[in-house]
Amino acid sequence: MKKRVLTGDRATGSSYVIGAYIGTLKNRLELQDEYDTFIFSADYHSLTTDLDDSKKLAKNAIELVKTQISIGIDPEKVTFYRQSKVPATFELHVILSMMTQMAELERQPALKEKLAQGKKLTYGLMGYPVLMAADILVVDSDLVPVAKDQEAHVEMASDLAKIFNRKFGKTIKVPAGLIGEVVIGLDGKGKSGKSTGGIFFSDSTEEVRKKVMSMYTDPNRIKATDPGTVDDNPVFIYHDYFNPNVEEVNDLKERYTKGTVGDVEVKEKLFRAVEAFLEPIREKKSEIDALGDDHILDILKKGEDKVNPVAEAVLDRVRGAMGF
């Protein structure tokens, strides 16, 4: 029997930034043949920050599935589903919340990040990691591919599984994380993400060009003849991720550090590389769009029919171990 991968995304936007490909989507693509892969739309998680936009979440979930299929994730190999359609998740969430220390929640890096962005501290936002732990544990996950900024959430899920097993006997599978990189933002500050901006899979050619040509570079480099810094330079970070022409990238780096190439040439070549990456994905996305949203809804419903018996079986084990 194949081991199981579980991962998912909040439905807070209708497209991914391409940085998400490096952080998590690439791992999904590469693991789909080796693992029994479950990918869910975290629609209820989205309410922690997008409650007022709740009517958009269903459509966003559909669009995110379309993008994943466009990059090569195969719905015949992978189980797509919506978090809100798996009731066992929420009962397990309640049980796990009873063994979660407030101090653990208060020091979660993602919570501090959201509060720094001006988000209001609600019960749901504080308890986000516990609901995520329930998502992970309710389907007997073995491996959880996430970007580095979500690593603490996987660790909490593992810790809660261990706490439960110590109290009630070995009942819940303890998952491991597969940690992807967090890609820097185009402005050189923070991460590239749905809420913080970046180049989106849904961006047009002109939008991609505009974003690439306005990217942050070495602030100390005034003229093209000034030697520049390649390390921590977003333009070169994106070259390393998305430009497969290693010889070209190395040449640009060498000339940049010597002051013999301008930002315009460096960015123009990055634009071409990103466009070459995006163009076949755009074409595939157009084909999927032509099939209509009902096609994706059928995929999601089929996945939910598969996931719910798995989740109910895990919840039955939990109830039984606790004496309910």
C-alpha atoms as a PDB file:
ATOM      1  CA  MET A   1       0.000   0.000   0.000  1.00  0.00           C
ATOM      2  CA  LYS A   2       1.284   3.456  -0.912  1.00  0.00           C
ATOM      3  CA  LYS A   3       2.056   5.940   1.832  1.00  0.00           C
ATOM      4  CA  ARG A   4      -0.164   9.001   1.879  1.00  0.00           C
ATOM      5  CA  VAL A   5       0.722  12.632   1.158  1.00  0.00           C
ATOM      6  CA  LEU A   6      -1.589  15.365   2.434  1.00  0.00           C
ATOM      7  CA  THR A   7      -1.337  19.029   1.557  1.00  0.00           C
ATOM      8  CA  GLY A   8      -3.659  21.903   0.772  1.00  0.00           C
ATOM      9  CA  ASP A   9      -4.191  25.611   0.256  1.00  0.00           C
ATOM     10  CA  ARG A  10      -6.405  28.303   1.625  1.00  0.00           C
ATOM     11  CA  ALA A  11      -8.900  29.507  -0.965  1.00  0.00           C
ATOM     12  CA  THR A  12      -8.126  33.185  -0.327  1.00  0.00           C
ATOM     13  CA  GLY A  13      -7.241  33.889  -3.954  1.00  0.00           C
ATOM     14  CA  SER A  14      -8.083  32.545  -7.387  1.00  0.00           C
ATOM     15  CA  SER A  15      -4.467  31.893  -8.421  1.00  0.00           C
ATOM     16  CA  TYR A  16      -1.075  30.968  -7.013  1.00  0.00           C
ATOM     17  CA  VAL A  17       2.084  33.021  -7.200  1.00  0.00           C
ATOM     18  CA  ILE A  18       4.793  31.178  -9.090  1.00  0.00           C
ATOM     19  CA  GLY A  19       6.819  31.127  -5.881  1.00  0.00           C
ATOM     20  CA  ALA A  20       4.316  28.534  -4.635  1.00  0.00           C
ATOM     21  CA  TYR A  21       5.608  26.210  -7.345  1.00  0.00           C
ATOM     22  CA  ILE A  22       8.983  26.180  -5.592  1.00  0.00           C
ATOM     23  CA  GLY A  23       7.505  26.035  -2.088  1.00  0.00           C
ATOM     24  CA  THR A  24       4.970  23.229  -2.512  1.00  0.00           C
ATOM     25  CA  LEU A  25       3.436  22.680  -5.967  1.00  0.00           C
ATOM     26  CA  LYS A  26       6.580  21.134  -7.414  1.00  0.00           C
ATOM     27  CA  ASN A  27       6.647  18.578  -4.594  1.00  0.00           C
ATOM     28  CA  ARG A  28       3.022  17.648  -5.302  1.00  0.00           C
ATOM     29  CA  LEU A  29       3.823  17.144  -8.948  1.00  0.00           C
ATOM     30  CA  GLU A  30       6.847  14.974  -8.215  1.00  0.00           C
ATOM     31  CA  LEU A  31       5.193  12.862  -5.489  1.00  0.00           C
ATOM     32  CA  GLN A  32       1.904  12.026  -7.222  1.00  0.00           C
ATOM     33  CA  ASP A  33       3.202   8.792  -8.750  1.00  0.00           C
ATOM     34  CA  GLU A  34       4.912   7.530  -5.604  1.00  0.00           C
ATOM     35  CA  TYR A  35       2.287   8.411  -2.976  1.00  0.00           C
ATOM     36  CA  ASP A  36      -1.460   8.267  -2.480  1.00  0.00           C
ATOM     37  CA  THR A  37      -1.839  12.042  -2.674  1.00  0.00           C
ATOM     38  CA  PHE A  38      -4.634  14.023  -1.019  1.00  0.00           C
ATOM     39  CA  ILE A  39      -4.890  17.755  -1.815  1.00  0.00           C
ATOM     40  CA  PHE A  40      -7.605  19.817  -0.169  1.00  0.00           C
ATOM     41  CA  SER A  41      -8.998  23.302  -0.480  1.00  0.00           C
ATOM     42  CA  ALA A  42      -8.892  24.805   3.009  1.00  0.00           C
ATOM     43  CA  ASP A  43     -12.077  26.812   2.583  1.00  0.00           C
ATOM     44  CA  TYR A  44     -12.904  27.008   6.303  1.00  0.00           C
ATOM     45  CA  HIS A  45      -9.331  28.005   7.085  1.00  0.00           C
ATOM     46  CA  SER A  46      -9.829  30.902   4.684  1.00  0.00           C
ATOM     47  CA  LEU A  47     -12.490  32.359   6.984  1.00  0.00           C
ATOM     48  CA  THR A  48      -9.824  33.299   9.536  1.00  0.00           C
ATOM     49  CA  THR A  49      -8.789  36.235   7.328  1.00  0.00           C
ATOM     50  CA  ASP A  50     -11.381  36.386   4.527  1.00  0.00           C
ATOM     51  CA  LEU A  51     -14.711  36.081   6.340  1.00  0.00           C
ATOM     52  CA  ASP A  52     -16.179  39.066   4.492  1.00  0.00           C
ATOM     53  CA  ASP A  53     -15.249  37.478   1.145  1.00  0.00           C
ATOM     54  CA  SER A  54     -16.717  34.061   1.966  1.00  0.00           C
ATOM     55  CA  LYS A  55     -18.856  34.038  -1.189  1.00  0.00           C
ATOM     56  CA  LYS A  56     -15.690  33.985  -3.288  1.00  0.00           C
ATOM     57  CA  LEU A  57     -14.201  30.910  -1.625  1.00  0.00           C
ATOM     58  CA  ALA A  58     -16.087  28.274  -3.615  1.00  0.00           C
ATOM     59  CA  LYS A  59     -15.011  29.802  -6.930  1.00  0.00           C
ATOM     60  CA  ASN A  60     -11.445  30.299  -5.687  1.00  0.00           C
ATOM     61  CA  ALA A  61     -11.241  26.614  -4.735  1.00  0.00           C
ATOM     62  CA  ILE A  62     -12.252  25.628  -8.263  1.00  0.00           C
ATOM     63  CA  GLU A  63      -9.674  27.949  -9.813  1.00  0.00           C
ATOM     64  CA  LEU A  64      -6.852  26.618  -7.642  1.00  0.00           C
ATOM     65  CA  VAL A  65      -7.651  23.054  -8.705  1.00  0.00           C
ATOM     66  CA  LYS A  66      -7.590  24.173 -12.342  1.00  0.00           C
ATOM     67  CA  THR A  67      -4.124  25.681 -11.905  1.00  0.00           C
ATOM     68  CA  GLN A  68      -2.793  22.535 -10.240  1.00  0.00           C
ATOM     69  CA  ILE A  69      -4.066  20.395 -13.092  1.00  0.00           C
ATOM     70  CA  SER A  70      -2.527  22.905 -15.526  1.00  0.00           C
ATOM     71  CA  ILE A  71       0.957  22.372 -14.097  1.00  0.00           C
ATOM     72  CA  GLY A  72       0.623  18.599 -14.468  1.00  0.00           C
ATOM     73  CA  ILE A  73      -1.022  17.341 -11.288  1.00  0.00           C
ATOM     74  CA  ASP A  74      -3.263  14.549 -12.529  1.00  0.00           C
ATOM     75  CA  PRO A  75      -6.775  14.194 -11.009  1.00  0.00           C
ATOM     76  CA  GLU A  76      -6.671  10.514 -11.985  1.00  0.00           C
ATOM     77  CA  LYS A  77      -3.707  10.082  -9.624  1.00  0.00           C
ATOM     78  CA  VAL A  78      -4.485  12.696  -6.994  1.00  0.00           C
ATOM     79  CA  THR A  79      -7.517  13.112  -4.708  1.00  0.00           C
ATOM     80  CA  PHE A  80      -8.805  16.694  -4.668  1.00  0.00           C
ATOM     81  CA  TYR A  81     -11.439  17.681  -2.103  1.00  0.00           C
ATOM     82  CA  ARG A  82     -12.832  20.544  -0.033  1.00  0.00           C
ATOM     83  CA  GLN A  83     -12.141  20.778   3.684  1.00  0.00           C
ATOM     84  CA  SER A  84     -15.738  21.847   4.366  1.00  0.00           C
ATOM     85  CA  LYS A  85     -17.062  18.565   2.927  1.00  0.00           C
ATOM     86  CA  VAL A  86     -15.232  16.363   5.469  1.00  0.00           C
ATOM     87  CA  PRO A  87     -17.198  16.653   8.737  1.00  0.00           C
ATOM     88  CA  ALA A  88     -14.878  14.334  10.674  1.00  0.00           C
ATOM     89  CA  THR A  89     -12.186  17.006  10.456  1.00  0.00           C
ATOM     90  CA  PHE A  90     -14.127  19.334  12.693  1.00  0.00           C
ATOM     91  CA  GLU A  91     -14.949  16.777  15.387  1.00  0.00           C
ATOM     92  CA  LEU A  92     -11.282  15.787  15.551  1.00  0.00           C
ATOM     93  CA  HIS A  93     -10.427  19.497  15.754  1.00  0.00           C
ATOM     94  CA  VAL A  94     -12.534  19.815  18.922  1.00  0.00           C
ATOM     95  CA  ILE A  95     -10.845  16.810  20.512  1.00  0.00           C
ATOM     96  CA  LEU A  96      -7.353  18.052  19.651  1.00  0.00           C
ATOM     97  CA  SER A  97      -8.172  21.518  20.984  1.00  0.00           C
ATOM     98  CA  MET A  98      -8.711  20.002  24.433  1.00  0.00           C
ATOM     99  CA  MET A  99      -5.058  18.963  24.589  1.00  0.00           C
ATOM    100  CA  THR A 100      -3.515  22.089  23.060  1.00  0.00           C
ATOM    101  CA  GLN A 101      -1.730  24.513  25.354  1.00  0.00           C
ATOM    102  CA  MET A 102      -2.451  28.221  24.745  1.00  0.00           C
ATOM    103  CA  ALA A 103       1.250  28.976  25.036  1.00  0.00           C
ATOM    104  CA  GLU A 104       1.872  26.765  21.998  1.00  0.00           C
ATOM    105  CA  LEU A 105      -0.623  28.728  19.942  1.00  0.00           C
ATOM    106  CA  GLU A 106       0.651  32.103  21.101  1.00  0.00           C
ATOM    107  CA  ARG A 107       4.173  31.456  19.846  1.00  0.00           C
ATOM    108  CA  GLN A 108       3.194  30.224  16.379  1.00  0.00           C
ATOM    109  CA  PRO A 109       5.156  32.229  13.746  1.00  0.00           C
ATOM    110  CA  ALA A 110       2.189  32.380  11.355  1.00  0.00           C
ATOM    111  CA  LEU A 111       0.003  33.978  14.043  1.00  0.00           C
ATOM    112  CA  LYS A 112       2.579  36.697  14.663  1.00  0.00           C
ATOM    113  CA  GLU A 113       2.811  37.310  10.929  1.00  0.00           C
ATOM    114  CA  LYS A 114      -0.963  37.699  10.542  1.00  0.00           C
ATOM    115  CA  LEU A 115      -1.192  40.076  13.514  1.00  0.00           C
ATOM    116  CA  ALA A 116       1.674  42.139  12.061  1.00  0.00           C
ATOM    117  CA  GLN A 117      -0.409  42.447   8.877  1.00  0.00           C
ATOM    118  CA  GLY A 118      -3.213  44.008  10.909  1.00  0.00           C
ATOM    119  CA  LYS A 119      -5.476  40.951  11.127  1.00  0.00           C
ATOM    120  CA  LYS A 120      -7.796  40.820  14.136  1.00  0.00           C
ATOM    121  CA  LEU A 121      -7.094  38.164  16.737  1.00  0.00           C
ATOM    122  CA  THR A 122     -10.106  35.854  16.712  1.00  0.00           C
ATOM    123  CA  TYR A 123     -10.695  32.463  18.280  1.00  0.00           C
ATOM    124  CA  GLY A 124     -10.445  30.946  14.801  1.00  0.00           C
ATOM    125  CA  LEU A 125      -7.165  32.647  13.940  1.00  0.00           C
ATOM    126  CA  MET A 126      -5.633  31.613  17.254  1.00  0.00           C
ATOM    127  CA  GLY A 127      -6.791  28.023  16.779  1.00  0.00           C
ATOM    128  CA  TYR A 128      -5.781  27.795  13.123  1.00  0.00           C
ATOM    129  CA  PRO A 129      -2.901  25.336  13.810  1.00  0.00           C
ATOM    130  CA  VAL A 130      -5.247  22.948  15.632  1.00  0.00           C
ATOM    131  CA  LEU A 131      -7.672  22.829  12.719  1.00  0.00           C
ATOM    132  CA  MET A 132      -4.711  22.293  10.399  1.00  0.00           C
ATOM    133  CA  ALA A 133      -3.555  19.438  12.636  1.00  0.00           C
ATOM    134  CA  ALA A 134      -7.013  17.887  12.307  1.00  0.00           C
ATOM    135  CA  ASP A 135      -6.797  18.202   8.501  1.00  0.00           C
ATOM    136  CA  ILE A 136      -3.484  16.366   8.550  1.00  0.00           C
ATOM    137  CA  LEU A 137      -4.302  13.675  11.099  1.00  0.00           C
ATOM    138  CA  VAL A 138      -7.856  12.805  10.054  1.00  0.00           C
ATOM    139  CA  VAL A 139      -6.704  11.126   6.834  1.00  0.00           C
ATOM    140  CA  ASP A 140      -3.752   9.134   8.245  1.00  0.00           C
ATOM    141  CA  SER A 141      -1.136  11.296   6.519  1.00  0.00           C
ATOM    142  CA  ASP A 142       2.426  10.025   6.303  1.00  0.00           C
ATOM    143  CA  LEU A 143       4.017  13.037   4.620  1.00  0.00           C
ATOM    144  CA  VAL A 144       2.978  16.696   4.494  1.00  0.00           C
ATOM    145  CA  PRO A 145       4.695  18.866   1.862  1.00  0.00           C
ATOM    146  CA  VAL A 146       4.581  22.536   2.895  1.00  0.00           C
ATOM    147  CA  ALA A 147       6.676  25.651   2.440  1.00  0.00           C
ATOM    148  CA  LYS A 148       9.084  26.576   5.218  1.00  0.00           C
ATOM    149  CA  ASP A 149       6.697  29.140   6.713  1.00  0.00           C
ATOM    150  CA  GLN A 150       4.197  26.331   7.460  1.00  0.00           C
ATOM    151  CA  GLU A 151       6.694  23.969   9.070  1.00  0.00           C
ATOM    152  CA  ALA A 152       5.599  24.851  12.613  1.00  0.00           C
ATOM    153  CA  HIS A 153       2.047  23.754  11.787  1.00  0.00           C
ATOM    154  CA  VAL A 154       3.192  20.290  10.706  1.00  0.00           C
ATOM    155  CA  GLU A 155       5.275  20.025  13.864  1.00  0.00           C
ATOM    156  CA  MET A 156       2.207  20.863  15.964  1.00  0.00           C
ATOM    157  CA  ALA A 157       0.191  18.177  14.185  1.00  0.00           C
ATOM    158  CA  SER A 158       2.917  15.631  14.935  1.00  0.00           C
ATOM    159  CA  ASP A 159       3.110  16.759  18.566  1.00  0.00           C
ATOM    160  CA  LEU A 160      -0.652  16.504  19.047  1.00  0.00           C
ATOM    161  CA  ALA A 161      -0.681  13.015  17.556  1.00  0.00           C
ATOM    162  CA  LYS A 162       2.048  11.981  19.998  1.00  0.00           C
ATOM    163  CA  ILE A 163       0.219  13.536  22.958  1.00  0.00           C
ATOM    164  CA  PHE A 164      -2.985  11.704  22.036  1.00  0.00           C
ATOM    165  CA  ASN A 165      -1.141   8.416  21.603  1.00  0.00           C
ATOM    166  CA  ARG A 166       0.554   8.765  25.002  1.00  0.00           C
ATOM    167  CA  LYS A 167      -2.799   9.389  26.691  1.00  0.00           C
ATOM    168  CA  PHE A 168      -4.978   6.869  24.860  1.00  0.00           C
ATOM    169  CA  GLY A 169      -2.668   4.358  23.180  1.00  0.00           C
ATOM    170  CA  LYS A 170      -1.270   4.292  19.672  1.00  0.00           C
ATOM    171  CA  THR A 171      -4.225   5.502  17.639  1.00  0.00           C
ATOM    172  CA  ILE A 172      -3.221   8.399  15.382  1.00  0.00           C
ATOM    173  CA  LYS A 173      -0.523   8.216  12.730  1.00  0.00           C
ATOM    174  CA  VAL A 174       2.351  10.660  13.338  1.00  0.00           C
ATOM    175  CA  PRO A 175       3.146  12.552  10.113  1.00  0.00           C
ATOM    176  CA  ALA A 176       6.415  14.000   8.873  1.00  0.00           C
ATOM    177  CA  GLY A 177       6.897  17.256   6.999  1.00  0.00           C
ATOM    178  CA  LEU A 178       8.532  17.751   3.611  1.00  0.00           C
ATOM    179  CA  ILE A 179       9.679  21.348   3.721  1.00  0.00           C
ATOM    180  CA  GLY A 180       9.960  23.508   0.607  1.00  0.00           C
ATOM    181  CA  GLU A 181      11.611  26.884   0.229  1.00  0.00           C
ATOM    182  CA  VAL A 182       9.909  30.222   0.798  1.00  0.00           C
ATOM    183  CA  VAL A 183      10.493  32.452  -2.221  1.00  0.00           C
ATOM    184  CA  ILE A 184      11.296  36.105  -1.572  1.00  0.00           C
ATOM    185  CA  GLY A 185       8.911  38.800  -2.761  1.00  0.00           C
ATOM    186  CA  LEU A 186       9.568  40.847  -5.896  1.00  0.00           C
ATOM    187  CA  ASP A 187      10.332  43.852  -3.685  1.00  0.00           C
ATOM    188  CA  GLY A 188      13.020  41.967  -1.795  1.00  0.00           C
ATOM    189  CA  LYS A 189      10.959  42.070   1.399  1.00  0.00           C
ATOM    190  CA  GLY A 190       9.282  39.097   2.987  1.00  0.00           C
ATOM    191  CA  LYS A 191       7.807  36.225   1.039  1.00  0.00           C
ATOM    192  CA  SER A 192       5.974  36.025  -2.241  1.00  0.00           C
ATOM    193  CA  GLY A 193       2.428  34.868  -1.580  1.00  0.00           C
ATOM    194  CA  LYS A 194      -1.230  35.232  -2.485  1.00  0.00           C
ATOM    195  CA  SER A 195      -1.706  37.965   0.125  1.00  0.00           C
ATOM    196  CA  THR A 196       1.694  39.636  -0.290  1.00  0.00           C
ATOM    197  CA  GLY A 197       1.896  39.687  -4.079  1.00  0.00           C
ATOM    198  CA  GLY A 198       4.196  38.319  -6.737  1.00  0.00           C
ATOM    199  CA  ILE A 199       3.939  36.934 -10.249  1.00  0.00           C
ATOM    200  CA  PHE A 200       0.732  34.902 -10.559  1.00  0.00           C
ATOM    201  CA  PHE A 201       0.056  31.945 -12.818  1.00  0.00           C
ATOM    202  CA  SER A 202      -2.962  33.939 -14.025  1.00  0.00           C
ATOM    203  CA  ASP A 203      -0.915  37.002 -15.026  1.00  0.00           C
ATOM    204  CA  SER A 204      -0.849  38.003 -18.682  1.00  0.00           C
ATOM    205  CA  THR A 205       2.394  38.382 -20.610  1.00  0.00           C
ATOM    206  CA  GLU A 206       2.254  42.157 -20.174  1.00  0.00           C
ATOM    207  CA  GLU A 207       1.604  41.834 -16.442  1.00  0.00           C
ATOM    208  CA  VAL A 208       4.571  39.492 -16.083  1.00  0.00           C
ATOM    209  CA  ARG A 209       6.811  41.872 -18.030  1.00  0.00           C
ATOM    210  CA  LYS A 210       5.756  44.836 -15.919  1.00  0.00           C
ATOM    211  CA  LYS A 211       6.384  42.964 -12.665  1.00  0.00           C
ATOM    212  CA  VAL A 212       9.765  41.593 -13.726  1.00  0.00           C
ATOM    213  CA  MET A 213      11.023  44.928 -15.048  1.00  0.00           C
ATOM    214  CA  SER A 214      10.056  46.648 -11.778  1.00  0.00           C
ATOM    215  CA  MET A 215      11.720  44.042  -9.542  1.00  0.00           C
ATOM    216  CA  TYR A 216      13.991  45.134  -6.727  1.00  0.00           C
ATOM    217  CA  THR A 217      17.723  44.714  -7.396  1.00  0.00           C
ATOM    218  CA  ASP A 218      20.936  45.825  -5.662  1.00  0.00           C
ATOM    219  CA  PRO A 219      20.051  49.262  -4.163  1.00  0.00           C
ATOM    220  CA  ASN A 220      23.718  50.257  -4.014  1.00  0.00           C
ATOM    221  CA  ARG A 221      24.166  49.856  -7.755  1.00  0.00           C
ATOM    222  CA  ILE A 222      23.539  53.260  -9.335  1.00  0.00           C
ATOM    223  CA  LYS A 223      24.945  52.698 -12.838  1.00  0.00           C
ATOM    224  CA  ALA A 224      25.246  49.615 -15.029  1.00  0.00           C
ATOM    225  CA  THR A 225      29.016  49.916 -14.761  1.00  0.00           C
ATOM    226  CA  ASP A 226      28.919  49.633 -10.960  1.00  0.00           C
ATOM    227  CA  PRO A 227      29.773  46.156  -9.584  1.00  0.00           C
ATOM    228  CA  GLY A 228      26.594  44.593  -8.164  1.00  0.00           C
ATOM    229  CA  THR A 229      25.670  42.018  -5.565  1.00  0.00           C
ATOM    230  CA  VAL A 230      24.108  38.751  -6.700  1.00  0.00           C
ATOM    231  CA  ASP A 231      23.475  37.195  -3.274  1.00  0.00           C
ATOM    232  CA  ASP A 232      19.984  37.947  -1.894  1.00  0.00           C
ATOM    233  CA  ASN A 233      19.145  39.777  -5.125  1.00  0.00           C
ATOM    234  CA  PRO A 234      15.534  38.828  -6.053  1.00  0.00           C
ATOM    235  CA  VAL A 235      16.197  39.002  -9.798  1.00  0.00           C
ATOM    236  CA  PHE A 236      18.940  36.396  -9.557  1.00  0.00           C
ATOM    237  CA  ILE A 237      16.998  34.306  -7.047  1.00  0.00           C
ATOM    238  CA  TYR A 238      14.200  34.038  -9.621  1.00  0.00           C
ATOM    239  CA  HIS A 239      16.751  33.298 -12.353  1.00  0.00           C
ATOM    240  CA  ASP A 240      18.017  30.373 -10.282  1.00  0.00           C
ATOM    241  CA  TYR A 241      14.467  29.077  -9.808  1.00  0.00           C
ATOM    242  CA  PHE A 242      12.970  29.637 -13.248  1.00  0.00           C
ATOM    243  CA  ASN A 243      15.747  29.989 -15.820  1.00  0.00           C
ATOM    244  CA  PRO A 244      16.898  26.500 -16.872  1.00  0.00           C
ATOM    245  CA  ASN A 245      19.764  27.971 -18.923  1.00  0.00           C
ATOM    246  CA  VAL A 246      22.437  27.657 -16.231  1.00  0.00           C
ATOM    247  CA  GLU A 247      25.162  28.894 -18.560  1.00  0.00           C
ATOM    248  CA  GLU A 248      23.240  32.097 -19.243  1.00  0.00           C
ATOM    249  CA  VAL A 249      22.531  32.649 -15.538  1.00  0.00           C
ATOM    250  CA  ASN A 250      26.179  32.153 -14.573  1.00  0.00           C
ATOM    251  CA  ASP A 251      27.264  34.560 -17.309  1.00  0.00           C
ATOM    252  CA  LEU A 252      24.819  37.208 -16.071  1.00  0.00           C
ATOM    253  CA  LYS A 253      26.004  36.765 -12.491  1.00  0.00           C
ATOM    254  CA  GLU A 254      29.646  37.114 -13.482  1.00  0.00           C
ATOM    255  CA  ARG A 255      29.028  40.233 -15.542  1.00  0.00           C
ATOM    256  CA  TYR A 256      26.760  41.740 -12.887  1.00  0.00           C
ATOM    257  CA  THR A 257      29.427  41.452 -10.202  1.00  0.00           C
ATOM    258  CA  LYS A 258      31.934  43.076 -12.579  1.00  0.00           C
ATOM    259  CA  GLY A 259      29.626  45.880 -13.647  1.00  0.00           C
ATOM    260  CA  THR A 260      29.486  44.857 -17.306  1.00  0.00           C
ATOM    261  CA  VAL A 261      25.766  44.198 -17.644  1.00  0.00           C
ATOM    262  CA  GLY A 262      22.760  46.397 -16.908  1.00  0.00           C
ATOM    263  CA  ASP A 263      19.614  45.575 -14.957  1.00  0.00           C
ATOM    264  CA  VAL A 264      17.522  45.809 -18.116  1.00  0.00           C
ATOM    265  CA  GLU A 265      19.296  42.892 -19.824  1.00  0.00           C
ATOM    266  CA  VAL A 266      19.217  40.800 -16.648  1.00  0.00           C
ATOM    267  CA  LYS A 267      15.489  41.412 -16.193  1.00  0.00           C
ATOM    268  CA  GLU A 268      14.672  40.929 -19.872  1.00  0.00           C
ATOM    269  CA  LYS A 269      16.238  37.478 -19.811  1.00  0.00           C
ATOM    270  CA  LEU A 270      14.394  36.658 -16.593  1.00  0.00           C
ATOM    271  CA  PHE A 271      11.134  37.741 -18.227  1.00  0.00           C
ATOM    272  CA  ARG A 272      11.768  35.389 -21.159  1.00  0.00           C
ATOM    273  CA  ALA A 273      12.510  32.497 -18.777  1.00  0.00           C
ATOM    274  CA  VAL A 274       9.380  33.088 -16.683  1.00  0.00           C
ATOM    275  CA  GLU A 275       7.255  33.380 -19.831  1.00  0.00           C
ATOM    276  CA  ALA A 276       8.669  30.101 -21.163  1.00  0.00           C
ATOM    277  CA  PHE A 277       7.685  28.505 -17.833  1.00  0.00           C
ATOM    278  CA  LEU A 278       4.177  30.006 -17.831  1.00  0.00           C
ATOM    279  CA  GLU A 279       3.119  29.707 -21.473  1.00  0.00           C
ATOM    280  CA  PRO A 280       2.353  25.944 -21.572  1.00  0.00           C
ATOM    281  CA  ILE A 281       0.558  26.269 -18.226  1.00  0.00           C
ATOM    282  CA  ARG A 282      -1.607  29.080 -19.614  1.00  0.00           C
ATOM    283  CA  GLU A 283      -2.469  26.952 -22.651  1.00  0.00           C
ATOM    284  CA  LYS A 284      -3.462  23.989 -20.485  1.00  0.00           C
ATOM    285  CA  LYS A 285      -5.486  26.262 -18.195  1.00  0.00           C
ATOM    286  CA  SER A 286      -7.444  27.549 -21.226  1.00  0.00           C
ATOM    287  CA  GLU A 287      -8.309  23.969 -22.179  1.00  0.00           C
ATOM    288  CA  ILE A 288      -9.521  23.247 -18.643  1.00  0.00           C
ATOM    289  CA  ASP A 289     -11.531  26.483 -18.506  1.00  0.00           C
ATOM    290  CA  ALA A 290     -13.319  25.390 -21.680  1.00  0.00           C
ATOM    291  CA  LEU A 291     -14.596  22.274 -19.869  1.00  0.00           C
ATOM    292  CA  GLY A 292     -16.441  24.446 -17.340  1.00  0.00           C
ATOM    293  CA  ASP A 293     -16.565  24.578 -13.553  1.00  0.00           C
ATOM    294  CA  ASP A 294     -18.846  21.543 -13.320  1.00  0.00           C
ATOM    295  CA  HIS A 295     -15.933  19.414 -14.526  1.00  0.00           C
ATOM    296  CA  ILE A 296     -13.904  20.495 -11.491  1.00  0.00           C
ATOM    297  CA  LEU A 297     -16.854  20.086  -9.150  1.00  0.00           C
ATOM    298  CA  ASP A 298     -17.188  16.479 -10.332  1.00  0.00           C
ATOM    299  CA  ILE A 299     -13.488  15.939  -9.536  1.00  0.00           C
ATOM    300  CA  LEU A 300     -13.953  17.432  -6.065  1.00  0.00           C
ATOM    301  CA  LYS A 301     -17.077  15.388  -5.314  1.00  0.00           C
ATOM    302  CA  LYS A 302     -15.352  12.189  -6.419  1.00  0.00           C
ATOM    303  CA  GLY A 303     -12.464  13.026  -4.093  1.00  0.00           C
ATOM    304  CA  GLU A 304     -14.795  13.736  -1.197  1.00  0.00           C
ATOM    305  CA  ASP A 305     -16.469  10.354  -1.681  1.00  0.00           C
ATOM    306  CA  LYS A 306     -13.034   8.775  -1.281  1.00  0.00           C
ATOM    307  CA  VAL A 307     -11.839  10.896   1.638  1.00  0.00           C
ATOM    308  CA  ASN A 308     -14.873  10.739   3.918  1.00  0.00           C
ATOM    309  CA  PRO A 309     -14.699   6.976   4.664  1.00  0.00           C
ATOM    310  CA  VAL A 310     -10.976   7.377   5.454  1.00  0.00           C
ATOM    311  CA  ALA A 311     -11.661  10.279   7.815  1.00  0.00           C
ATOM    312  CA  GLU A 312     -14.580   8.533   9.501  1.00  0.00           C
ATOM    313  CA  ALA A 313     -12.429   5.460  10.129  1.00  0.00           C
ATOM    314  CA  VAL A 314      -9.749   7.582  11.815  1.00  0.00           C
ATOM    315  CA  LEU A 315     -12.374   9.382  13.900  1.00  0.00           C
ATOM    316  CA  ASP A 316     -13.909   6.043  14.935  1.00  0.00           C
ATOM    317  CA  ARG A 317     -10.471   4.913  16.187  1.00  0.00           C
ATOM    318  CA  VAL A 318     -10.126   8.137  18.148  1.00  0.00           C
ATOM    319  CA  ARG A 319     -13.589   7.841  19.680  1.00  0.00           C
ATOM    320  CA  GLY A 320     -12.975   4.218  20.570  1.00  0.00           C
ATOM    321  CA  ALA A 321      -9.620   4.934  22.197  1.00  0.00           C
ATOM    322  CA  MET A 322     -11.234   7.644  24.340  1.00  0.00           C
ATOM    323  CA  GLY A 323     -14.158   5.428  25.354  1.00  0.00           C
ATOM    324  CA  PHE A 324     -16.890   7.222  23.432  1.00  0.00           C
END
